Amino acid sequence: MATLPLKALTLTHVRYQRGDPLGYFLAWVSLVPVFISLGGFVSHFFFRRELQGMFFALGLIISQFINEFVKTSVEQARPETCALLETCDSHGWPSSHSQYMFFFAVYFTLLTCKGIGFWDTTNKWVVNFWPWSLAFFTMYSRVYLGYHTVAQVFAGAILGVFLGALWFWVVNSVLSPYFPAIEESAFGRMFYIKDTSHIPNVLKFEYDNARAARKNLASKSN
């Protein structure tokens, strides 16, 4: 009985050269999109259910579908190292990891600059330093580990920046006026979907309300 050829899940299929500490570090960096998706947005839906976060995640999903469409249309091969990495059966232009991270960095930066987030900060450059650092590290890791060429990661970065900025405009200029209606809809009420874009410091707002509720409960019990 002939065995069918195996195919790796490229999003999590990361290899590095044994004994290379930099390669080991960059292999973990290359998994940052997975950590953001599962650890970040899935947790956000269960515990926060903010419309901004949900549309942020939706934009990243749409971006990845666009990436797959472009890849299958262009059909540009990965570098020659794909044979060792067992990724020659997938296309390389543009890099999906690079596109994901630069979409994330642009959208996160625009949210911060507009004052939308969990906290109010005057040092926005400090907050925005981390997503951009991860984006460039991820882009470098895909070339260093042999999964993409320089042109492929730059193509992913450019497409990610463009789509991230475009989706931010769509959400905050076209869709945001409908956020109150989504909150008040049957779906919004059932799943406690909310919009806190109008609150400059969400953490302080929730902290103050939690304290007020506890004091109110204590006064009623007395």
C-alpha atoms as a PDB file:
ATOM      1  CA  MET A   1       0.000   0.000   0.000  1.00  0.00           C
ATOM      2  CA  ALA A   2       1.494   3.328  -1.087  1.00  0.00           C
ATOM      3  CA  THR A   3       1.861   5.967   1.589  1.00  0.00           C
ATOM      4  CA  LEU A   4       0.597   9.447   0.865  1.00  0.00           C
ATOM      5  CA  PRO A   5       3.167  12.267   1.058  1.00  0.00           C
ATOM      6  CA  LEU A   6       3.034  14.313   4.248  1.00  0.00           C
ATOM      7  CA  LYS A   7       2.582  18.073   4.334  1.00  0.00           C
ATOM      8  CA  ALA A   8       3.638  20.321   7.205  1.00  0.00           C
ATOM      9  CA  LEU A   9       1.503  23.055   8.701  1.00  0.00           C
ATOM     10  CA  THR A  10       3.761  25.932   7.675  1.00  0.00           C
ATOM     11  CA  LEU A  11       2.487  28.344  10.333  1.00  0.00           C
ATOM     12  CA  THR A  12       3.995  26.236  13.118  1.00  0.00           C
ATOM     13  CA  HIS A  13       6.571  24.195  11.169  1.00  0.00           C
ATOM     14  CA  VAL A  14       9.837  25.908  12.141  1.00  0.00           C
ATOM     15  CA  ARG A  15      13.300  24.353  11.887  1.00  0.00           C
ATOM     16  CA  TYR A  16      16.707  25.720  12.803  1.00  0.00           C
ATOM     17  CA  GLN A  17      20.266  24.414  12.639  1.00  0.00           C
ATOM     18  CA  ARG A  18      21.251  22.331  15.653  1.00  0.00           C
ATOM     19  CA  GLY A  19      23.712  24.153  17.892  1.00  0.00           C
ATOM     20  CA  ASP A  20      22.768  27.603  16.581  1.00  0.00           C
ATOM     21  CA  PRO A  21      21.521  29.723  19.541  1.00  0.00           C
ATOM     22  CA  LEU A  22      20.482  32.608  17.285  1.00  0.00           C
ATOM     23  CA  GLY A  23      18.544  30.222  15.077  1.00  0.00           C
ATOM     24  CA  TYR A  24      16.854  28.762  18.147  1.00  0.00           C
ATOM     25  CA  PHE A  25      15.855  32.249  19.312  1.00  0.00           C
ATOM     26  CA  LEU A  26      14.602  33.253  15.873  1.00  0.00           C
ATOM     27  CA  ALA A  27      12.624  30.014  15.579  1.00  0.00           C
ATOM     28  CA  TRP A  28      10.648  31.097  18.642  1.00  0.00           C
ATOM     29  CA  VAL A  29      10.311  34.609  17.225  1.00  0.00           C
ATOM     30  CA  SER A  30       8.900  33.068  14.058  1.00  0.00           C
ATOM     31  CA  LEU A  31       6.062  31.637  16.162  1.00  0.00           C
ATOM     32  CA  VAL A  32       4.983  35.044  17.506  1.00  0.00           C
ATOM     33  CA  PRO A  33       1.994  35.224  15.080  1.00  0.00           C
ATOM     34  CA  VAL A  34       0.728  31.953  16.577  1.00  0.00           C
ATOM     35  CA  PHE A  35       1.116  33.285  20.122  1.00  0.00           C
ATOM     36  CA  ILE A  36      -0.708  36.504  19.208  1.00  0.00           C
ATOM     37  CA  SER A  37      -3.555  34.629  17.536  1.00  0.00           C
ATOM     38  CA  LEU A  38      -4.106  31.943  20.162  1.00  0.00           C
ATOM     39  CA  GLY A  39      -2.789  33.548  23.323  1.00  0.00           C
ATOM     40  CA  GLY A  40      -3.890  37.061  22.451  1.00  0.00           C
ATOM     41  CA  PHE A  41      -7.048  37.241  20.391  1.00  0.00           C
ATOM     42  CA  VAL A  42      -8.681  34.000  21.561  1.00  0.00           C
ATOM     43  CA  SER A  43      -8.116  35.032  25.179  1.00  0.00           C
ATOM     44  CA  HIS A  44      -9.374  38.504  24.329  1.00  0.00           C
ATOM     45  CA  PHE A  45     -12.648  37.127  23.022  1.00  0.00           C
ATOM     46  CA  PHE A  46     -13.250  35.000  26.116  1.00  0.00           C
ATOM     47  CA  PHE A  47     -12.285  37.613  28.698  1.00  0.00           C
ATOM     48  CA  ARG A  48     -12.685  41.041  27.061  1.00  0.00           C
ATOM     49  CA  ARG A  49     -15.046  40.834  24.054  1.00  0.00           C
ATOM     50  CA  GLU A  50     -14.160  44.302  22.835  1.00  0.00           C
ATOM     51  CA  LEU A  51     -15.348  45.210  19.356  1.00  0.00           C
ATOM     52  CA  GLN A  52     -12.050  46.902  18.529  1.00  0.00           C
ATOM     53  CA  GLY A  53     -10.141  43.741  19.391  1.00  0.00           C
ATOM     54  CA  MET A  54     -12.581  41.526  17.511  1.00  0.00           C
ATOM     55  CA  PHE A  55     -12.349  43.620  14.344  1.00  0.00           C
ATOM     56  CA  PHE A  56      -8.569  43.750  14.770  1.00  0.00           C
ATOM     57  CA  ALA A  57      -8.526  39.940  14.718  1.00  0.00           C
ATOM     58  CA  LEU A  58     -10.952  39.833  11.788  1.00  0.00           C
ATOM     59  CA  GLY A  59      -8.638  42.102   9.813  1.00  0.00           C
ATOM     60  CA  LEU A  60      -5.695  39.776  10.425  1.00  0.00           C
ATOM     61  CA  ILE A  61      -7.769  36.813   9.230  1.00  0.00           C
ATOM     62  CA  ILE A  62      -8.790  38.681   6.063  1.00  0.00           C
ATOM     63  CA  SER A  63      -5.151  39.647   5.545  1.00  0.00           C
ATOM     64  CA  GLN A  64      -4.088  35.999   5.679  1.00  0.00           C
ATOM     65  CA  PHE A  65      -6.745  35.016   3.126  1.00  0.00           C
ATOM     66  CA  ILE A  66      -5.436  37.768   0.843  1.00  0.00           C
ATOM     67  CA  ASN A  67      -1.911  36.463   1.389  1.00  0.00           C
ATOM     68  CA  GLU A  68      -2.924  32.951   0.309  1.00  0.00           C
ATOM     69  CA  PHE A  69      -4.705  34.340  -2.754  1.00  0.00           C
ATOM     70  CA  VAL A  70      -1.635  36.335  -3.807  1.00  0.00           C
ATOM     71  CA  LYS A  71       0.673  33.377  -3.188  1.00  0.00           C
ATOM     72  CA  THR A  72      -1.385  30.999  -5.312  1.00  0.00           C
ATOM     73  CA  SER A  73      -1.697  33.652  -8.037  1.00  0.00           C
ATOM     74  CA  VAL A  74       2.002  34.538  -8.215  1.00  0.00           C
ATOM     75  CA  GLU A  75       3.309  31.024  -7.468  1.00  0.00           C
ATOM     76  CA  GLN A  76       6.820  32.171  -6.612  1.00  0.00           C
ATOM     77  CA  ALA A  77       8.963  29.383  -5.156  1.00  0.00           C
ATOM     78  CA  ARG A  78      10.685  29.558  -1.810  1.00  0.00           C
ATOM     79  CA  PRO A  79      14.518  29.700  -1.682  1.00  0.00           C
ATOM     80  CA  GLU A  80      16.557  26.552  -2.355  1.00  0.00           C
ATOM     81  CA  THR A  81      16.761  25.823   1.379  1.00  0.00           C
ATOM     82  CA  CYS A  82      13.100  24.776   1.214  1.00  0.00           C
ATOM     83  CA  ALA A  83      14.232  21.214   0.469  1.00  0.00           C
ATOM     84  CA  LEU A  84      15.885  20.913   3.867  1.00  0.00           C
ATOM     85  CA  LEU A  85      12.915  22.606   5.543  1.00  0.00           C
ATOM     86  CA  GLU A  86      10.335  20.488   3.690  1.00  0.00           C
ATOM     87  CA  THR A  87       8.426  23.558   2.513  1.00  0.00           C
ATOM     88  CA  CYS A  88       8.959  23.378  -1.259  1.00  0.00           C
ATOM     89  CA  ASP A  89       5.313  22.405  -1.757  1.00  0.00           C
ATOM     90  CA  SER A  90       4.176  25.886  -0.690  1.00  0.00           C
ATOM     91  CA  HIS A  91       4.775  29.279  -2.288  1.00  0.00           C
ATOM     92  CA  GLY A  92       6.897  32.034  -0.774  1.00  0.00           C
ATOM     93  CA  TRP A  93       5.776  35.420  -2.132  1.00  0.00           C
ATOM     94  CA  PRO A  94       4.718  37.279  -0.072  1.00  0.00           C
ATOM     95  CA  SER A  95       5.749  36.035   3.374  1.00  0.00           C
ATOM     96  CA  SER A  96       2.625  35.447   5.479  1.00  0.00           C
ATOM     97  CA  HIS A  97       4.541  35.775   8.771  1.00  0.00           C
ATOM     98  CA  SER A  98       5.986  39.109   7.727  1.00  0.00           C
ATOM     99  CA  GLN A  99       2.617  40.322   6.464  1.00  0.00           C
ATOM    100  CA  TYR A 100       0.879  39.275   9.689  1.00  0.00           C
ATOM    101  CA  MET A 101       3.347  41.029  11.971  1.00  0.00           C
ATOM    102  CA  PHE A 102       3.487  44.279  10.010  1.00  0.00           C
ATOM    103  CA  PHE A 103      -0.314  44.377   9.793  1.00  0.00           C
ATOM    104  CA  PHE A 104      -0.355  43.893  13.580  1.00  0.00           C
ATOM    105  CA  ALA A 105       2.292  46.581  14.186  1.00  0.00           C
ATOM    106  CA  VAL A 106       0.578  49.194  11.996  1.00  0.00           C
ATOM    107  CA  TYR A 107      -2.890  48.571  13.387  1.00  0.00           C
ATOM    108  CA  PHE A 108      -1.623  48.537  16.991  1.00  0.00           C
ATOM    109  CA  THR A 109       0.300  51.780  16.431  1.00  0.00           C
ATOM    110  CA  LEU A 110      -2.721  53.524  14.927  1.00  0.00           C
ATOM    111  CA  LEU A 111      -4.886  52.372  17.843  1.00  0.00           C
ATOM    112  CA  THR A 112      -2.339  53.755  20.292  1.00  0.00           C
ATOM    113  CA  CYS A 113      -1.936  57.060  18.468  1.00  0.00           C
ATOM    114  CA  LYS A 114      -5.703  57.512  18.391  1.00  0.00           C
ATOM    115  CA  GLY A 115      -5.873  56.865  22.127  1.00  0.00           C
ATOM    116  CA  ILE A 116      -7.764  53.577  21.861  1.00  0.00           C
ATOM    117  CA  GLY A 117      -6.539  50.947  24.291  1.00  0.00           C
ATOM    118  CA  PHE A 118      -6.531  49.691  27.831  1.00  0.00           C
ATOM    119  CA  TRP A 119      -4.561  52.549  29.312  1.00  0.00           C
ATOM    120  CA  ASP A 120      -3.812  56.207  28.721  1.00  0.00           C
ATOM    121  CA  THR A 121      -0.127  56.788  28.060  1.00  0.00           C
ATOM    122  CA  THR A 122       1.913  59.809  27.081  1.00  0.00           C
ATOM    123  CA  ASN A 123       4.902  57.690  26.010  1.00  0.00           C
ATOM    124  CA  LYS A 124       3.263  56.112  22.993  1.00  0.00           C
ATOM    125  CA  TRP A 125       6.612  55.417  21.337  1.00  0.00           C
ATOM    126  CA  VAL A 126       7.544  53.092  24.217  1.00  0.00           C
ATOM    127  CA  VAL A 127       4.339  51.079  23.748  1.00  0.00           C
ATOM    128  CA  ASN A 128       4.749  50.951  19.961  1.00  0.00           C
ATOM    129  CA  PHE A 129       8.398  49.901  20.173  1.00  0.00           C
ATOM    130  CA  TRP A 130       7.486  46.288  20.997  1.00  0.00           C
ATOM    131  CA  PRO A 131       5.219  45.360  18.066  1.00  0.00           C
ATOM    132  CA  TRP A 132       7.593  46.958  15.567  1.00  0.00           C
ATOM    133  CA  SER A 133      10.579  45.175  17.118  1.00  0.00           C
ATOM    134  CA  LEU A 134       8.751  41.850  16.881  1.00  0.00           C
ATOM    135  CA  ALA A 135       7.742  42.615  13.293  1.00  0.00           C
ATOM    136  CA  PHE A 136      11.336  43.248  12.174  1.00  0.00           C
ATOM    137  CA  PHE A 137      12.665  40.291  14.162  1.00  0.00           C
ATOM    138  CA  THR A 138      10.044  38.046  12.551  1.00  0.00           C
ATOM    139  CA  MET A 139      10.907  39.336   9.090  1.00  0.00           C
ATOM    140  CA  TYR A 140      14.613  38.706   9.711  1.00  0.00           C
ATOM    141  CA  SER A 141      13.945  35.260  11.184  1.00  0.00           C
ATOM    142  CA  ARG A 142      12.171  34.042   8.045  1.00  0.00           C
ATOM    143  CA  VAL A 143      15.219  34.899   5.926  1.00  0.00           C
ATOM    144  CA  TYR A 144      17.794  33.675   8.456  1.00  0.00           C
ATOM    145  CA  LEU A 145      16.046  30.331   8.875  1.00  0.00           C
ATOM    146  CA  GLY A 146      15.801  29.889   5.111  1.00  0.00           C
ATOM    147  CA  TYR A 147      12.036  30.012   4.664  1.00  0.00           C
ATOM    148  CA  HIS A 148      11.954  33.135   2.496  1.00  0.00           C
ATOM    149  CA  THR A 149      14.083  35.418   0.381  1.00  0.00           C
ATOM    150  CA  VAL A 150      14.636  39.062   1.290  1.00  0.00           C
ATOM    151  CA  ALA A 151      12.233  40.128  -1.465  1.00  0.00           C
ATOM    152  CA  GLN A 152       9.511  37.831  -0.139  1.00  0.00           C
ATOM    153  CA  VAL A 153       9.631  39.175   3.427  1.00  0.00           C
ATOM    154  CA  PHE A 154       9.714  42.785   2.230  1.00  0.00           C
ATOM    155  CA  ALA A 155       6.726  42.102  -0.004  1.00  0.00           C
ATOM    156  CA  GLY A 156       4.883  40.690   3.001  1.00  0.00           C
ATOM    157  CA  ALA A 157       5.842  43.697   5.122  1.00  0.00           C
ATOM    158  CA  ILE A 158       4.653  46.208   2.516  1.00  0.00           C
ATOM    159  CA  LEU A 159       1.369  44.374   1.986  1.00  0.00           C
ATOM    160  CA  GLY A 160       0.887  44.087   5.745  1.00  0.00           C
ATOM    161  CA  VAL A 161       1.457  47.818   6.286  1.00  0.00           C
ATOM    162  CA  PHE A 162      -0.974  48.699   3.489  1.00  0.00           C
ATOM    163  CA  LEU A 163      -3.707  46.293   4.638  1.00  0.00           C
ATOM    164  CA  GLY A 164      -3.272  47.228   8.294  1.00  0.00           C
ATOM    165  CA  ALA A 165      -3.703  50.937   7.576  1.00  0.00           C
ATOM    166  CA  LEU A 166      -6.600  50.304   5.198  1.00  0.00           C
ATOM    167  CA  TRP A 167      -8.430  48.040   7.655  1.00  0.00           C
ATOM    168  CA  PHE A 168      -7.940  50.561  10.480  1.00  0.00           C
ATOM    169  CA  TRP A 169      -9.604  53.211   8.328  1.00  0.00           C
ATOM    170  CA  VAL A 170     -12.457  50.856   7.432  1.00  0.00           C
ATOM    171  CA  VAL A 171     -13.091  49.914  11.076  1.00  0.00           C
ATOM    172  CA  ASN A 172     -12.785  53.368  12.607  1.00  0.00           C
ATOM    173  CA  SER A 173     -14.346  55.445   9.820  1.00  0.00           C
ATOM    174  CA  VAL A 174     -16.914  53.139   8.240  1.00  0.00           C
ATOM    175  CA  LEU A 175     -17.816  50.458  10.790  1.00  0.00           C
ATOM    176  CA  SER A 176     -17.406  52.196  14.179  1.00  0.00           C
ATOM    177  CA  PRO A 177     -20.712  54.156  13.872  1.00  0.00           C
ATOM    178  CA  TYR A 178     -22.441  50.750  13.963  1.00  0.00           C
ATOM    179  CA  PHE A 179     -20.712  49.658  17.197  1.00  0.00           C
ATOM    180  CA  PRO A 180     -23.563  50.898  19.453  1.00  0.00           C
ATOM    181  CA  ALA A 181     -26.070  48.936  17.355  1.00  0.00           C
ATOM    182  CA  ILE A 182     -23.915  45.802  17.665  1.00  0.00           C
ATOM    183  CA  GLU A 183     -23.743  46.305  21.433  1.00  0.00           C
ATOM    184  CA  GLU A 184     -27.520  46.596  21.677  1.00  0.00           C
ATOM    185  CA  SER A 185     -28.249  43.719  19.297  1.00  0.00           C
ATOM    186  CA  ALA A 186     -29.382  40.287  20.478  1.00  0.00           C
ATOM    187  CA  PHE A 187     -25.939  38.927  19.616  1.00  0.00           C
ATOM    188  CA  GLY A 188     -24.199  41.697  21.550  1.00  0.00           C
ATOM    189  CA  ARG A 189     -26.364  41.232  24.615  1.00  0.00           C
ATOM    190  CA  MET A 190     -26.051  37.449  24.547  1.00  0.00           C
ATOM    191  CA  PHE A 191     -22.242  37.441  24.364  1.00  0.00           C
ATOM    192  CA  TYR A 192     -21.644  40.714  26.285  1.00  0.00           C
ATOM    193  CA  ILE A 193     -19.990  42.376  23.314  1.00  0.00           C
ATOM    194  CA  LYS A 194     -18.920  45.926  24.121  1.00  0.00           C
ATOM    195  CA  ASP A 195     -17.138  48.961  22.736  1.00  0.00           C
ATOM    196  CA  THR A 196     -14.843  50.989  24.982  1.00  0.00           C
ATOM    197  CA  SER A 197     -13.240  53.107  22.262  1.00  0.00           C
ATOM    198  CA  HIS A 198     -14.676  56.229  23.873  1.00  0.00           C
ATOM    199  CA  ILE A 199     -13.010  55.494  27.235  1.00  0.00           C
ATOM    200  CA  PRO A 200      -9.441  56.893  27.352  1.00  0.00           C
ATOM    201  CA  ASN A 201      -8.238  54.625  30.173  1.00  0.00           C
ATOM    202  CA  VAL A 202     -10.158  51.351  30.242  1.00  0.00           C
ATOM    203  CA  LEU A 203      -8.124  49.803  33.060  1.00  0.00           C
ATOM    204  CA  LYS A 204      -8.755  52.782  35.361  1.00  0.00           C
ATOM    205  CA  PHE A 205     -12.428  52.868  34.357  1.00  0.00           C
ATOM    206  CA  GLU A 206     -12.908  49.192  35.214  1.00  0.00           C
ATOM    207  CA  TYR A 207     -10.871  49.533  38.401  1.00  0.00           C
ATOM    208  CA  ASP A 208     -12.931  52.505  39.623  1.00  0.00           C
ATOM    209  CA  ASN A 209     -16.220  50.769  38.770  1.00  0.00           C
ATOM    210  CA  ALA A 210     -15.157  47.540  40.472  1.00  0.00           C
ATOM    211  CA  ARG A 211     -14.282  49.459  43.643  1.00  0.00           C
ATOM    212  CA  ALA A 212     -17.541  51.406  43.486  1.00  0.00           C
ATOM    213  CA  ALA A 213     -19.548  48.198  43.063  1.00  0.00           C
ATOM    214  CA  ARG A 214     -17.801  46.583  46.026  1.00  0.00           C
ATOM    215  CA  LYS A 215     -18.423  49.645  48.220  1.00  0.00           C
ATOM    216  CA  ASN A 216     -22.049  49.739  47.120  1.00  0.00           C
ATOM    217  CA  LEU A 217     -22.453  46.051  47.988  1.00  0.00           C
ATOM    218  CA  ALA A 218     -20.816  46.598  51.358  1.00  0.00           C
ATOM    219  CA  SER A 219     -23.099  49.552  52.168  1.00  0.00           C
ATOM    220  CA  LYS A 220     -26.187  47.494  51.287  1.00  0.00           C
ATOM    221  CA  SER A 221     -25.107  44.609  53.515  1.00  0.00           C
ATOM    222  CA  ASN A 222     -24.682  47.019  56.417  1.00  0.00           C
END
